[in-house]
């Protein structure tokens, strides 16, 4: 999976299309990510003897095919490629601007 935790991504399809956020967690086995502020669902907690009920809003998983990395230069969606630097390190590169993604 080319998207990693901490990357800034943009949603390219779905109800949150066009919104950007930071990747909080990745699930490589499921090909899903959790993005801050995207795909928010309401979770209800039933009241019990310990306390009252409540409603909390949480970010849920979104398929990795529905998001794209934001190009550091143009701030638009881009694909990710790989290149080897002069040091011999393999780094991720934005395909549009050829800039290194960190």
C-alpha atoms as a PDB file:
ATOM      1  CA  UNK A   1       0.000   0.000   0.000  1.00  0.00           C
ATOM      2  CA  UNK A   2       1.466   3.362  -1.055  1.00  0.00           C
ATOM      3  CA  UNK A   3      -0.383   5.463   1.528  1.00  0.00           C
ATOM      4  CA  UNK A   4       1.163   5.597   4.983  1.00  0.00           C
ATOM      5  CA  UNK A   5       0.208   6.921   8.399  1.00  0.00           C
ATOM      6  CA  UNK A   6       0.671  10.699   8.623  1.00  0.00           C
ATOM      7  CA  UNK A   7       0.125  11.365   4.889  1.00  0.00           C
ATOM      8  CA  UNK A   8      -2.249  14.108   3.783  1.00  0.00           C
ATOM      9  CA  UNK A   9      -4.875  12.649   1.455  1.00  0.00           C
ATOM     10  CA  UNK A  10      -7.872  13.892  -0.508  1.00  0.00           C
ATOM     11  CA  UNK A  11     -11.099  11.910  -0.945  1.00  0.00           C
ATOM     12  CA  UNK A  12     -11.713  11.339  -4.658  1.00  0.00           C
ATOM     13  CA  UNK A  13     -15.108   9.621  -4.494  1.00  0.00           C
ATOM     14  CA  UNK A  14     -18.035   9.176  -2.124  1.00  0.00           C
ATOM     15  CA  UNK A  15     -20.027  11.497   0.106  1.00  0.00           C
ATOM     16  CA  UNK A  16     -16.889  13.250   1.443  1.00  0.00           C
ATOM     17  CA  UNK A  17     -15.474  13.915  -2.053  1.00  0.00           C
ATOM     18  CA  UNK A  18     -13.028  16.820  -2.173  1.00  0.00           C
ATOM     19  CA  UNK A  19     -12.234  16.879   1.546  1.00  0.00           C
ATOM     20  CA  UNK A  20      -8.676  16.497   2.775  1.00  0.00           C
ATOM     21  CA  UNK A  21      -7.329  15.035   5.989  1.00  0.00           C
ATOM     22  CA  UNK A  22      -4.428  13.262   7.635  1.00  0.00           C
ATOM     23  CA  UNK A  23      -4.214   9.465   7.715  1.00  0.00           C
ATOM     24  CA  UNK A  24      -4.527   8.343  11.336  1.00  0.00           C
ATOM     25  CA  UNK A  25      -4.188   4.590  10.801  1.00  0.00           C
ATOM     26  CA  UNK A  26      -3.737   2.142   7.922  1.00  0.00           C
ATOM     27  CA  UNK A  27      -5.037  -1.408   7.556  1.00  0.00           C
ATOM     28  CA  UNK A  28      -2.919  -3.020   4.827  1.00  0.00           C
ATOM     29  CA  UNK A  29      -4.651  -6.403   5.056  1.00  0.00           C
ATOM     30  CA  UNK A  30      -8.083  -4.839   4.397  1.00  0.00           C
ATOM     31  CA  UNK A  31      -6.766  -2.051   2.076  1.00  0.00           C
ATOM     32  CA  UNK A  32      -8.457   0.562   4.250  1.00  0.00           C
ATOM     33  CA  UNK A  33      -7.416   3.745   6.056  1.00  0.00           C
ATOM     34  CA  UNK A  34      -8.845   5.997   8.759  1.00  0.00           C
ATOM     35  CA  UNK A  35      -8.644   9.690   7.848  1.00  0.00           C
ATOM     36  CA  UNK A  36      -9.084  12.498  10.379  1.00  0.00           C
ATOM     37  CA  UNK A  37     -12.460  14.217   9.897  1.00  0.00           C
ATOM     38  CA  UNK A  38     -13.597  11.941   7.037  1.00  0.00           C
ATOM     39  CA  UNK A  39     -16.340   9.261   6.984  1.00  0.00           C
ATOM     40  CA  UNK A  40     -17.724  10.253  10.396  1.00  0.00           C
ATOM     41  CA  UNK A  41     -20.341   7.969  11.944  1.00  0.00           C
ATOM     42  CA  UNK A  42     -22.345   8.401  15.161  1.00  0.00           C
ATOM     43  CA  UNK A  43     -21.857   5.742  17.819  1.00  0.00           C
ATOM     44  CA  UNK A  44     -24.549   5.387  20.489  1.00  0.00           C
ATOM     45  CA  UNK A  45     -23.882   4.146  24.031  1.00  0.00           C
ATOM     46  CA  UNK A  46     -26.832   2.793  25.952  1.00  0.00           C
ATOM     47  CA  UNK A  47     -27.377   4.121  29.458  1.00  0.00           C
ATOM     48  CA  UNK A  48     -26.391   1.787  32.287  1.00  0.00           C
ATOM     49  CA  UNK A  49     -26.028   1.737  36.057  1.00  0.00           C
ATOM     50  CA  UNK A  50     -22.523   3.219  35.689  1.00  0.00           C
ATOM     51  CA  UNK A  51     -23.665   6.326  33.821  1.00  0.00           C
ATOM     52  CA  UNK A  52     -25.933   7.986  31.276  1.00  0.00           C
ATOM     53  CA  UNK A  53     -26.086   7.155  27.601  1.00  0.00           C
ATOM     54  CA  UNK A  54     -24.171   9.170  25.054  1.00  0.00           C
ATOM     55  CA  UNK A  55     -23.542   9.822  21.396  1.00  0.00           C
ATOM     56  CA  UNK A  56     -19.991  10.037  20.055  1.00  0.00           C
ATOM     57  CA  UNK A  57     -18.803  10.780  16.546  1.00  0.00           C
ATOM     58  CA  UNK A  58     -15.951   8.594  15.277  1.00  0.00           C
ATOM     59  CA  UNK A  59     -14.002   8.289  12.041  1.00  0.00           C
ATOM     60  CA  UNK A  60     -14.511   4.926  10.365  1.00  0.00           C
ATOM     61  CA  UNK A  61     -12.487   3.067   7.755  1.00  0.00           C
ATOM     62  CA  UNK A  62     -12.506   4.163   4.116  1.00  0.00           C
ATOM     63  CA  UNK A  63     -11.195   2.121   1.207  1.00  0.00           C
ATOM     64  CA  UNK A  64      -7.712   3.143   0.075  1.00  0.00           C
ATOM     65  CA  UNK A  65      -8.915   3.287  -3.540  1.00  0.00           C
ATOM     66  CA  UNK A  66     -11.224   6.175  -2.592  1.00  0.00           C
ATOM     67  CA  UNK A  67      -8.374   8.449  -1.469  1.00  0.00           C
ATOM     68  CA  UNK A  68      -5.299   9.905  -3.175  1.00  0.00           C
ATOM     69  CA  UNK A  69      -2.180  11.578  -1.799  1.00  0.00           C
ATOM     70  CA  UNK A  70      -2.106  15.371  -2.016  1.00  0.00           C
ATOM     71  CA  UNK A  71       0.714  16.714  -4.197  1.00  0.00           C
ATOM     72  CA  UNK A  72       3.004  18.854  -1.973  1.00  0.00           C
ATOM     73  CA  UNK A  73       3.385  21.488  -4.718  1.00  0.00           C
ATOM     74  CA  UNK A  74      -0.028  21.861  -6.401  1.00  0.00           C
ATOM     75  CA  UNK A  75      -2.202  20.637  -3.454  1.00  0.00           C
ATOM     76  CA  UNK A  76      -4.169  18.371  -5.833  1.00  0.00           C
ATOM     77  CA  UNK A  77      -4.555  14.586  -6.012  1.00  0.00           C
ATOM     78  CA  UNK A  78      -1.591  12.679  -7.417  1.00  0.00           C
ATOM     79  CA  UNK A  79      -0.362   9.144  -7.878  1.00  0.00           C
ATOM     80  CA  UNK A  80       2.676   7.822  -6.037  1.00  0.00           C
ATOM     81  CA  UNK A  81       5.809   6.433  -7.618  1.00  0.00           C
ATOM     82  CA  UNK A  82       9.151   5.300  -6.271  1.00  0.00           C
ATOM     83  CA  UNK A  83      12.691   6.351  -7.103  1.00  0.00           C
ATOM     84  CA  UNK A  84      16.151   5.702  -5.733  1.00  0.00           C
ATOM     85  CA  UNK A  85      18.165   8.704  -4.510  1.00  0.00           C
ATOM     86  CA  UNK A  86      21.923   9.163  -4.913  1.00  0.00           C
ATOM     87  CA  UNK A  87      22.369   7.801  -1.379  1.00  0.00           C
ATOM     88  CA  UNK A  88      20.756   4.536  -2.487  1.00  0.00           C
ATOM     89  CA  UNK A  89      17.534   5.140  -0.512  1.00  0.00           C
ATOM     90  CA  UNK A  90      14.172   4.228  -2.028  1.00  0.00           C
ATOM     91  CA  UNK A  91      11.740   7.153  -1.619  1.00  0.00           C
ATOM     92  CA  UNK A  92       8.142   7.915  -2.593  1.00  0.00           C
ATOM     93  CA  UNK A  93       7.669  10.551  -5.292  1.00  0.00           C
ATOM     94  CA  UNK A  94       4.570  12.493  -6.420  1.00  0.00           C
ATOM     95  CA  UNK A  95       4.009  11.673 -10.106  1.00  0.00           C
ATOM     96  CA  UNK A  96       2.698  15.167 -11.032  1.00  0.00           C
ATOM     97  CA  UNK A  97       5.461  17.343  -9.579  1.00  0.00           C
ATOM     98  CA  UNK A  98       8.254  14.745  -9.183  1.00  0.00           C
ATOM     99  CA  UNK A  99       8.632  15.963  -5.581  1.00  0.00           C
ATOM    100  CA  UNK A 100       9.611  13.626  -2.728  1.00  0.00           C
ATOM    101  CA  UNK A 101       6.770  12.724  -0.339  1.00  0.00           C
ATOM    102  CA  UNK A 102       7.831  12.597   3.292  1.00  0.00           C
END
